[in-house]
Amino acid sequence: MKLILTLAWRNLWRNKRRTLITISSVMFAVILAVFIFSMEQGSYERMIDTTVKYSTGYIQIQDILYDDEPSMDYAMLFDDDIKELLEEFKEEIDYYVPRLQSFALVATDEITRGSMVIGIDPVLEDKMSELSDDMVEGEFIASGDDGIVVAEGLAGILNIKIGDTLVLLGQGFHGATASGLYPVKGIVDLRLPDLNNNSIYMSLETAQWFFAAENRLTALIIMPENPSQTNQLAEGLNSKIDSEWYNVLTWEEMLSDLLTLMQFDMAGTWVLMMILYIVITFGLFGTILTMMIERRQEFRLLFSLGLKRIKLAAVCFFESVFITFTGAIAGMLLAFPVVLYFFYNPIPLTGGMAETIIDYGFEPVLPFSMTPSIFYTQAIIVFLISFVVGLFPVYKVFKFKIVDNKGKSLKRKRNS
């Protein structure tokens, strides 16, 4: 085997220019594929991370009816049974975030607007969303605080500043009237524009009093110790919880529309990449075909010296493998530092593209991903290409005729 591999490698460099051109084509194809997949996967990861961080979390426990009809009337009771369930899975749960949220009318002296009022545990919410780091003015609320924090976009719409008082009017639990005057303690810049234009935060205790929903939550967000084990943790919670009253949802279920859109977009990228690799496959096939034609006399000589067909076929097969793998490895090595740079320095978007991204509710940057599958997937694809193309010279070697019809006719002519 060592001799076969040595012969295959040496044969490639008998025509250095052709070999380098073929390797370069594979290398640039891999670089382009890694770059595109990293950029696309990075955008998806940023969308999911931002949405999970500011909105859904990884897992939510809700009232069984709340997902179909998100009303304050279907706020769940955060009782001892739920606390015991959390305690049972404490080794798998990093922390949990209670929320009580509903719509209310928010009014100043001149402007009235419908907004989302979100009751939070300031410490736990800040651990997940890091809202205190995004404060623009004032300070973040504390537990039991009577003040509120207003999103920057909403503050601009209402034309308010720190110290102003807002009137909140809505409907509480079981039709109770929810109303009150609340001073603005801080203004926060949320990353998602939809939330930034419609959100008000108050402490959980204040929100429960406002909505007349003592000890109730619209959602209990659970952040797993290991996010990759989200589905397993959700299944465990589902098996223990009273399914007649409670529902356990993962972020994939809550963001199913977004995931479907991502999968559709990814399918289009795969089609583009397959076209690219098909072009590379035919280029590699052309190189192997040319090498086979040029070496017919060499094959006849080797067969006459007693070289077995299976060994010559193995040499030709590994020539194809070496070309593609050399190009693939070079491509991945060159792509890695580029992707790593953009992973830590996302490309900022400007102009109309930035406005479009903002309209969809995400930060206007082009992030990259360093997920290992982006790199080793290319190696798998290249292996399949080299295997398929390598079968052609194997077939030709076993079908190769040492003396062809032309040689036979020439021999008969000389004998006559």
Protein backbone atom coordinates (compact mmCIF):
# COMPACT_ATOMS: atom_id res chain seq x y z
CA MET A 1 0.00 0.00 0.00
CA LYS A 2 2.84 2.41 0.77
CA LEU A 3 4.28 1.85 -2.71
CA ILE A 4 0.89 2.46 -4.33
CA LEU A 5 0.38 5.72 -2.43
CA THR A 6 3.93 6.86 -3.27
CA LEU A 7 3.43 6.14 -6.99
CA ALA A 8 0.05 7.94 -6.98
CA TRP A 9 1.52 11.04 -5.35
CA ARG A 10 4.53 11.15 -7.67
CA ASN A 11 2.39 10.70 -10.77
CA LEU A 12 0.47 13.86 -9.92
CA TRP A 13 3.58 16.00 -10.21
CA ARG A 14 4.68 14.75 -13.58
CA ASN A 15 2.58 17.62 -14.97
CA LYS A 16 2.78 20.20 -12.19
CA ARG A 17 0.84 22.94 -13.95
CA ARG A 18 -2.21 20.78 -14.62
CA THR A 19 -2.19 19.35 -11.10
CA LEU A 20 -1.87 22.79 -9.49
CA ILE A 21 -4.71 24.18 -11.60
CA THR A 22 -6.99 21.29 -10.62
CA ILE A 23 -6.07 21.54 -6.93
CA SER A 24 -6.64 25.31 -7.05
CA SER A 25 -10.13 24.87 -8.50
CA VAL A 26 -11.07 22.51 -5.67
CA MET A 27 -9.45 24.81 -3.10
CA PHE A 28 -11.35 27.92 -4.19
CA ALA A 29 -14.60 25.96 -4.35
CA VAL A 30 -14.10 24.85 -0.73
CA ILE A 31 -13.20 28.39 0.37
CA LEU A 32 -16.32 29.77 -1.29
CA ALA A 33 -18.54 27.03 0.17
CA VAL A 34 -17.16 27.47 3.71
CA PHE A 35 -17.49 31.25 3.46
CA ILE A 36 -21.11 31.13 2.26
CA PHE A 37 -22.24 28.46 4.74
CA SER A 38 -20.48 30.23 7.63
CA MET A 39 -22.14 33.51 6.74
CA GLU A 40 -25.58 31.94 6.41
CA GLN A 41 -25.26 29.79 9.54
CA GLY A 42 -23.94 32.78 11.47
CA SER A 43 -26.99 34.83 10.47
CA TYR A 44 -29.30 32.05 11.60
CA GLU A 45 -27.48 31.63 14.91
CA ARG A 46 -27.62 35.39 15.55
CA MET A 47 -31.36 35.47 14.81
CA ILE A 48 -32.06 32.53 17.09
CA ASP A 49 -29.76 33.78 19.87
CA THR A 50 -31.27 37.27 19.83
CA THR A 51 -34.83 35.96 19.79
CA VAL A 52 -34.16 33.42 22.54
CA LYS A 53 -32.30 35.99 24.62
CA TYR A 54 -34.87 38.79 24.48
CA SER A 55 -38.09 36.93 23.89
CA THR A 56 -38.76 33.20 24.21
CA GLY A 57 -35.87 31.62 26.11
CA TYR A 58 -35.03 27.96 25.42
CA ILE A 59 -38.02 26.39 27.23
CA GLN A 60 -41.28 27.83 28.49
CA ILE A 61 -43.86 26.42 30.86
CA GLN A 62 -47.31 27.92 30.20
CA ASP A 63 -50.93 27.31 30.95
CA ILE A 64 -52.26 24.68 28.54
CA LEU A 65 -54.50 27.28 26.81
CA TYR A 66 -52.12 30.23 26.75
CA ASP A 67 -50.25 29.32 23.53
CA ASP A 68 -53.50 29.24 21.52
CA GLU A 69 -54.96 32.34 23.17
CA PRO A 70 -52.34 34.51 24.94
CA SER A 71 -54.68 36.18 27.42
CA MET A 72 -54.16 37.23 31.01
CA ASP A 73 -57.07 34.94 31.89
CA TYR A 74 -54.82 31.99 31.06
CA ALA A 75 -51.95 33.02 33.32
CA MET A 76 -50.72 29.94 35.18
CA LEU A 77 -50.43 29.60 38.94
CA PHE A 78 -46.80 29.47 40.06
CA ASP A 79 -47.43 27.10 42.94
CA ASP A 80 -45.49 24.57 45.01
CA ASP A 81 -45.99 21.81 42.41
CA ILE A 82 -44.09 23.82 39.79
CA LYS A 83 -41.37 24.72 42.30
CA GLU A 84 -40.96 21.05 43.25
CA LEU A 85 -40.69 20.14 39.56
CA LEU A 86 -37.93 22.72 39.08
CA GLU A 87 -36.14 21.38 42.13
CA GLU A 88 -36.28 17.86 40.69
CA PHE A 89 -34.45 18.99 37.55
CA LYS A 90 -32.15 21.51 39.24
CA GLU A 91 -28.98 19.81 37.98
CA GLU A 92 -30.11 20.26 34.37
CA ILE A 93 -31.52 23.78 34.81
CA ASP A 94 -29.14 26.72 34.97
CA TYR A 95 -31.82 29.19 36.08
CA TYR A 96 -35.44 30.13 35.35
CA VAL A 97 -37.03 33.48 34.52
CA PRO A 98 -40.65 34.24 35.55
CA ARG A 99 -42.65 36.62 33.36
CA LEU A 100 -46.10 38.15 33.48
CA GLN A 101 -46.96 40.11 30.36
CA SER A 102 -49.99 41.57 28.65
CA PHE A 103 -51.02 44.58 26.58
CA ALA A 104 -52.06 47.90 28.06
CA LEU A 105 -52.73 51.43 26.89
CA VAL A 106 -49.86 53.77 27.76
CA ALA A 107 -50.64 57.48 27.87
CA THR A 108 -48.91 60.80 28.39
CA ASP A 109 -50.63 64.21 28.37
CA GLU A 110 -50.87 64.16 24.58
CA ILE A 111 -50.11 60.65 23.25
CA THR A 112 -51.71 57.25 23.82
CA ARG A 113 -50.29 53.97 22.51
CA GLY A 114 -50.85 50.26 23.01
CA SER A 115 -47.76 48.56 24.45
CA MET A 116 -46.59 45.32 26.01
CA VAL A 117 -46.20 45.51 29.78
CA ILE A 118 -43.77 42.87 31.03
CA GLY A 119 -43.43 41.97 34.68
CA ILE A 120 -39.98 40.53 35.44
CA ASP A 121 -37.69 39.42 38.19
CA PRO A 122 -34.97 42.05 37.61
CA VAL A 123 -32.07 39.85 38.70
CA LEU A 124 -33.06 36.76 36.71
CA GLU A 125 -34.20 38.72 33.66
CA ASP A 126 -30.93 40.64 33.60
CA LYS A 127 -29.03 37.34 33.78
CA MET A 128 -30.74 36.20 30.58
CA SER A 129 -31.20 39.41 28.58
CA GLU A 130 -28.45 41.58 30.11
CA LEU A 131 -30.85 44.54 30.02
CA SER A 132 -28.80 46.55 32.51
CA ASP A 133 -25.94 46.66 29.97
CA ASP A 134 -28.30 48.18 27.38
CA MET A 135 -29.54 51.04 29.54
CA VAL A 136 -29.47 54.37 27.67
CA GLU A 137 -30.61 56.62 30.51
CA GLY A 138 -31.47 56.22 34.17
CA GLU A 139 -31.12 52.91 35.97
CA PHE A 140 -32.55 49.43 35.86
CA ILE A 141 -35.42 48.49 38.15
CA ALA A 142 -35.00 46.45 41.35
CA SER A 143 -37.29 43.83 42.90
CA GLY A 144 -40.47 45.41 44.26
CA ASP A 145 -39.68 48.73 42.53
CA ASP A 146 -42.70 50.92 41.66
CA GLY A 147 -40.88 52.54 38.74
CA ILE A 148 -40.76 51.25 35.18
CA VAL A 149 -38.16 50.92 32.41
CA VAL A 150 -39.30 51.98 28.95
CA ALA A 151 -37.78 50.77 25.67
CA GLU A 152 -35.92 53.50 23.79
CA GLY A 153 -38.12 53.37 20.69
CA LEU A 154 -41.31 53.67 22.73
CA ALA A 155 -39.80 56.50 24.79
CA GLY A 156 -39.13 58.39 21.56
CA ILE A 157 -42.68 57.82 20.31
CA LEU A 158 -44.16 59.03 23.59
CA ASN A 159 -41.60 61.84 23.87
CA ILE A 160 -40.79 61.09 27.49
CA LYS A 161 -37.68 61.30 29.67
CA ILE A 162 -36.47 60.07 33.05
CA GLY A 163 -38.81 61.16 35.87
CA ASP A 164 -41.94 61.49 33.71
CA THR A 165 -45.05 59.59 34.76
CA LEU A 166 -47.03 57.30 32.49
CA VAL A 167 -50.66 56.27 32.80
CA LEU A 168 -51.22 52.52 32.21
CA LEU A 169 -54.68 51.16 31.56
CA GLY A 170 -55.55 47.57 30.69
CA GLN A 171 -57.44 44.42 31.64
CA GLY A 172 -56.23 42.20 34.43
CA PHE A 173 -56.89 38.63 35.51
CA HIS A 174 -60.54 37.52 35.07
CA GLY A 175 -61.62 40.92 33.73
CA ALA A 176 -60.29 43.05 36.58
CA THR A 177 -59.45 46.64 35.69
CA ALA A 178 -55.73 47.30 35.53
CA SER A 179 -54.74 50.95 35.96
CA GLY A 180 -52.03 52.98 37.59
CA LEU A 181 -49.50 55.82 37.43
CA TYR A 182 -45.86 54.78 37.08
CA PRO A 183 -42.72 56.95 37.02
CA VAL A 184 -40.11 56.29 34.33
CA LYS A 185 -36.96 55.12 36.07
CA GLY A 186 -34.88 54.15 33.04
CA ILE A 187 -34.76 53.84 29.24
CA VAL A 188 -33.33 50.68 27.65
CA ASP A 189 -32.20 49.98 24.08
CA LEU A 190 -33.57 46.60 23.02
CA ARG A 191 -31.91 44.83 20.07
CA LEU A 192 -35.20 43.78 18.45
CA PRO A 193 -36.98 46.79 16.89
CA ASP A 194 -40.47 45.33 17.43
CA LEU A 195 -39.77 45.04 21.15
CA ASN A 196 -37.92 48.35 21.23
CA ASN A 197 -41.03 50.21 20.03
CA ASN A 198 -43.56 48.47 22.27
CA SER A 199 -42.08 47.35 25.60
CA ILE A 200 -42.32 48.47 29.20
CA TYR A 201 -40.66 46.56 32.05
CA MET A 202 -41.79 46.60 35.67
CA SER A 203 -40.95 44.39 38.61
CA LEU A 204 -42.87 41.12 38.83
CA GLU A 205 -44.53 42.05 42.13
CA THR A 206 -45.73 45.37 40.70
CA ALA A 207 -47.03 43.68 37.54
CA GLN A 208 -48.92 41.06 39.55
CA TRP A 209 -50.56 43.82 41.56
CA PHE A 210 -51.32 45.83 38.39
CA PHE A 211 -52.97 42.88 36.62
CA ALA A 212 -54.56 41.51 39.84
CA ALA A 213 -52.78 38.21 39.18
CA GLU A 214 -51.13 37.30 42.47
CA ASN A 215 -48.69 34.36 42.20
CA ARG A 216 -49.48 34.00 38.50
CA LEU A 217 -47.24 34.01 35.42
CA THR A 218 -47.94 34.02 31.72
CA ALA A 219 -44.70 32.09 31.16
CA LEU A 220 -41.91 30.53 33.16
CA ILE A 221 -38.77 30.60 31.03
CA ILE A 222 -36.23 27.85 31.70
CA MET A 223 -32.59 28.18 30.66
CA PRO A 224 -30.87 24.76 30.56
CA GLU A 225 -27.39 24.15 31.89
CA ASN A 226 -26.48 22.79 28.46
CA PRO A 227 -28.50 24.40 25.60
CA SER A 228 -27.77 21.40 23.35
CA GLN A 229 -29.81 19.27 25.80
CA THR A 230 -32.89 21.50 25.49
CA ASN A 231 -35.13 18.87 23.90
CA GLN A 232 -34.14 16.20 26.43
CA LEU A 233 -34.87 18.56 29.34
CA ALA A 234 -38.22 19.55 27.81
CA GLU A 235 -39.19 15.88 27.43
CA GLY A 236 -38.26 15.24 31.06
CA LEU A 237 -40.34 18.19 32.27
CA ASN A 238 -43.25 17.13 30.08
CA SER A 239 -43.22 13.62 31.54
CA LYS A 240 -43.44 14.95 35.12
CA ILE A 241 -45.74 17.96 34.78
CA ASP A 242 -49.53 17.85 34.94
CA SER A 243 -50.31 17.98 31.20
CA GLU A 244 -53.96 18.73 31.91
CA TRP A 245 -53.02 22.18 33.18
CA TYR A 246 -49.56 22.98 31.86
CA ASN A 247 -47.73 22.98 28.55
CA VAL A 248 -43.95 22.71 28.02
CA LEU A 249 -42.68 24.35 24.81
CA THR A 250 -39.16 24.53 23.34
CA TRP A 251 -37.85 27.49 21.39
CA GLU A 252 -38.10 25.40 18.20
CA GLU A 253 -41.84 25.01 18.73
CA MET A 254 -42.32 28.68 19.56
CA LEU A 255 -40.24 29.83 16.57
CA SER A 256 -41.45 27.23 14.06
CA ASP A 257 -42.25 29.84 11.39
CA LEU A 258 -38.75 31.30 11.62
CA LEU A 259 -37.14 27.86 11.42
CA THR A 260 -39.21 26.94 8.35
CA LEU A 261 -38.05 30.11 6.62
CA MET A 262 -34.44 29.27 7.50
CA GLN A 263 -34.72 25.74 6.13
CA PHE A 264 -36.19 27.03 2.88
CA ASP A 265 -33.35 29.53 2.55
CA MET A 266 -30.75 26.85 3.35
CA ALA A 267 -32.19 24.59 0.63
CA GLY A 268 -31.54 27.32 -1.93
CA THR A 269 -27.94 27.64 -0.76
CA TRP A 270 -27.42 23.87 -1.06
CA VAL A 271 -28.67 23.96 -4.65
CA LEU A 272 -26.15 26.72 -5.44
CA MET A 273 -23.34 24.77 -3.78
CA MET A 274 -24.26 21.57 -5.61
CA ILE A 275 -24.00 23.41 -8.93
CA LEU A 276 -20.56 24.65 -7.89
CA TYR A 277 -19.38 21.16 -6.93
CA ILE A 278 -20.79 19.66 -10.13
CA VAL A 279 -18.66 22.09 -12.12
CA ILE A 280 -15.63 21.10 -10.03
CA THR A 281 -16.45 17.41 -10.54
CA PHE A 282 -16.41 17.75 -14.33
CA GLY A 283 -13.15 19.73 -14.14
CA LEU A 284 -11.57 16.97 -12.08
CA PHE A 285 -13.01 14.35 -14.44
CA GLY A 286 -11.44 16.16 -17.38
CA THR A 287 -8.05 16.11 -15.67
CA ILE A 288 -8.27 12.38 -14.88
CA LEU A 289 -9.47 11.61 -18.44
CA THR A 290 -6.55 13.53 -19.95
CA MET A 291 -4.10 11.68 -17.71
CA MET A 292 -5.56 8.33 -18.76
CA ILE A 293 -5.26 9.16 -22.48
CA GLU A 294 -1.69 10.42 -22.15
CA ARG A 295 -0.52 7.32 -20.27
CA ARG A 296 -1.82 4.54 -22.53
CA GLN A 297 1.67 3.55 -23.64
CA GLU A 298 2.83 3.64 -20.03
CA PHE A 299 0.00 1.28 -19.01
CA ARG A 300 0.92 -1.17 -21.80
CA LEU A 301 4.53 -1.15 -20.61
CA LEU A 302 3.53 -1.73 -16.99
CA PHE A 303 1.23 -4.60 -17.91
CA SER A 304 3.96 -6.18 -20.03
CA LEU A 305 6.30 -6.00 -17.03
CA GLY A 306 3.78 -7.93 -14.96
CA LEU A 307 2.01 -5.19 -12.93
CA LYS A 308 -1.41 -6.42 -11.85
CA ARG A 309 -4.43 -4.46 -12.99
CA ILE A 310 -5.79 -4.07 -9.44
CA LYS A 311 -2.59 -2.31 -8.31
CA LEU A 312 -2.59 0.05 -11.30
CA ALA A 313 -6.29 0.75 -10.69
CA ALA A 314 -5.50 1.57 -7.04
CA VAL A 315 -2.75 3.98 -8.14
CA CYS A 316 -5.14 5.80 -10.51
CA PHE A 317 -7.88 5.89 -7.85
CA PHE A 318 -5.61 7.48 -5.24
CA GLU A 319 -4.43 10.05 -7.77
CA SER A 320 -8.01 11.36 -7.91
CA VAL A 321 -8.32 11.22 -4.11
CA PHE A 322 -5.04 13.08 -3.57
CA ILE A 323 -6.00 15.90 -5.94
CA THR A 324 -9.37 16.55 -4.31
CA PHE A 325 -8.21 16.14 -0.72
CA THR A 326 -5.17 18.35 -1.22
CA GLY A 327 -7.46 21.05 -2.61
CA ALA A 328 -10.00 20.55 0.17
CA ILE A 329 -7.43 20.71 2.99
CA ALA A 330 -5.80 23.79 1.47
CA GLY A 331 -9.22 25.41 1.11
CA MET A 332 -10.22 24.74 4.72
CA LEU A 333 -6.86 25.96 6.05
CA LEU A 334 -7.13 29.20 4.09
CA ALA A 335 -10.82 29.69 4.92
CA PHE A 336 -10.37 29.17 8.68
CA PRO A 337 -8.54 32.43 9.53
CA VAL A 338 -10.88 34.46 7.31
CA VAL A 339 -14.00 33.00 8.93
CA LEU A 340 -12.42 33.36 12.39
CA TYR A 341 -11.77 37.08 11.77
CA PHE A 342 -15.33 37.77 10.69
CA PHE A 343 -16.64 35.63 13.56
CA TYR A 344 -15.19 38.18 16.00
CA ASN A 345 -15.74 41.16 13.67
CA PRO A 346 -19.17 40.86 11.99
CA ILE A 347 -19.64 42.89 8.82
CA PRO A 348 -21.86 45.94 9.53
CA LEU A 349 -24.65 46.51 7.02
CA THR A 350 -25.69 49.93 5.77
CA GLY A 351 -28.28 51.48 3.49
CA GLY A 352 -31.35 49.63 2.26
CA MET A 353 -30.07 46.21 3.31
CA ALA A 354 -29.63 47.40 6.90
CA GLU A 355 -33.15 48.84 6.91
CA THR A 356 -34.55 45.54 5.62
CA ILE A 357 -32.78 43.57 8.36
CA ILE A 358 -34.06 46.02 10.99
CA ASP A 359 -37.60 45.69 9.65
CA TYR A 360 -37.36 41.94 10.24
CA GLY A 361 -36.41 42.71 13.83
CA PHE A 362 -32.70 41.88 13.90
CA GLU A 363 -29.40 43.69 14.33
CA PRO A 364 -28.03 45.00 10.97
CA VAL A 365 -24.78 43.03 10.88
CA LEU A 366 -23.55 40.05 8.87
CA PRO A 367 -22.19 37.56 11.45
CA PHE A 368 -20.23 34.38 10.73
CA SER A 369 -20.33 30.97 12.41
CA MET A 370 -17.46 28.73 13.54
CA THR A 371 -19.60 25.59 13.81
CA PRO A 372 -17.29 22.61 13.05
CA SER A 373 -19.86 21.02 10.73
CA ILE A 374 -19.36 23.88 8.29
CA PHE A 375 -15.80 22.69 7.73
CA TYR A 376 -16.05 18.90 7.89
CA THR A 377 -19.15 18.86 5.67
CA GLN A 378 -16.95 20.10 2.84
CA ALA A 379 -14.49 17.26 3.47
CA ILE A 380 -17.33 14.74 3.21
CA ILE A 381 -18.57 16.25 -0.05
CA VAL A 382 -15.05 16.28 -1.48
CA PHE A 383 -14.57 12.64 -0.45
CA LEU A 384 -17.73 11.67 -2.33
CA ILE A 385 -16.57 13.59 -5.39
CA SER A 386 -13.13 11.96 -5.35
CA PHE A 387 -14.69 8.52 -4.87
CA VAL A 388 -17.10 8.92 -7.80
CA VAL A 389 -14.48 10.39 -10.14
CA GLY A 390 -11.90 7.83 -8.98
CA LEU A 391 -14.13 4.99 -10.14
CA PHE A 392 -13.68 6.04 -13.77
CA PRO A 393 -9.92 5.31 -14.04
CA VAL A 394 -10.49 2.05 -12.12
CA TYR A 395 -13.07 1.02 -14.73
CA LYS A 396 -10.77 2.05 -17.61
CA VAL A 397 -7.80 0.13 -16.21
CA PHE A 398 -9.79 -3.11 -15.97
CA LYS A 399 -11.18 -2.60 -19.48
CA PHE A 400 -7.87 -1.46 -20.95
CA LYS A 401 -6.66 -3.51 -23.92
CA ILE A 402 -2.92 -3.99 -24.19
CA VAL A 403 -3.19 -4.49 -27.94
CA ASP A 404 -6.03 -2.60 -29.58
CA ASN A 405 -7.66 -3.23 -32.93
CA LYS A 406 -5.42 -0.69 -34.63
CA GLY A 407 -2.35 -2.54 -33.38
CA LYS A 408 -3.72 -5.86 -34.65
CA SER A 409 -4.46 -4.52 -38.13
CA LEU A 410 -0.98 -2.98 -38.33
CA LYS A 411 0.58 -6.33 -37.34
CA ARG A 412 -1.41 -8.19 -40.06
CA LYS A 413 -0.30 -5.63 -42.67
CA ARG A 414 3.39 -6.13 -41.81
CA ASN A 415 3.03 -9.93 -41.91
CA SER A 416 1.47 -9.75 -45.35
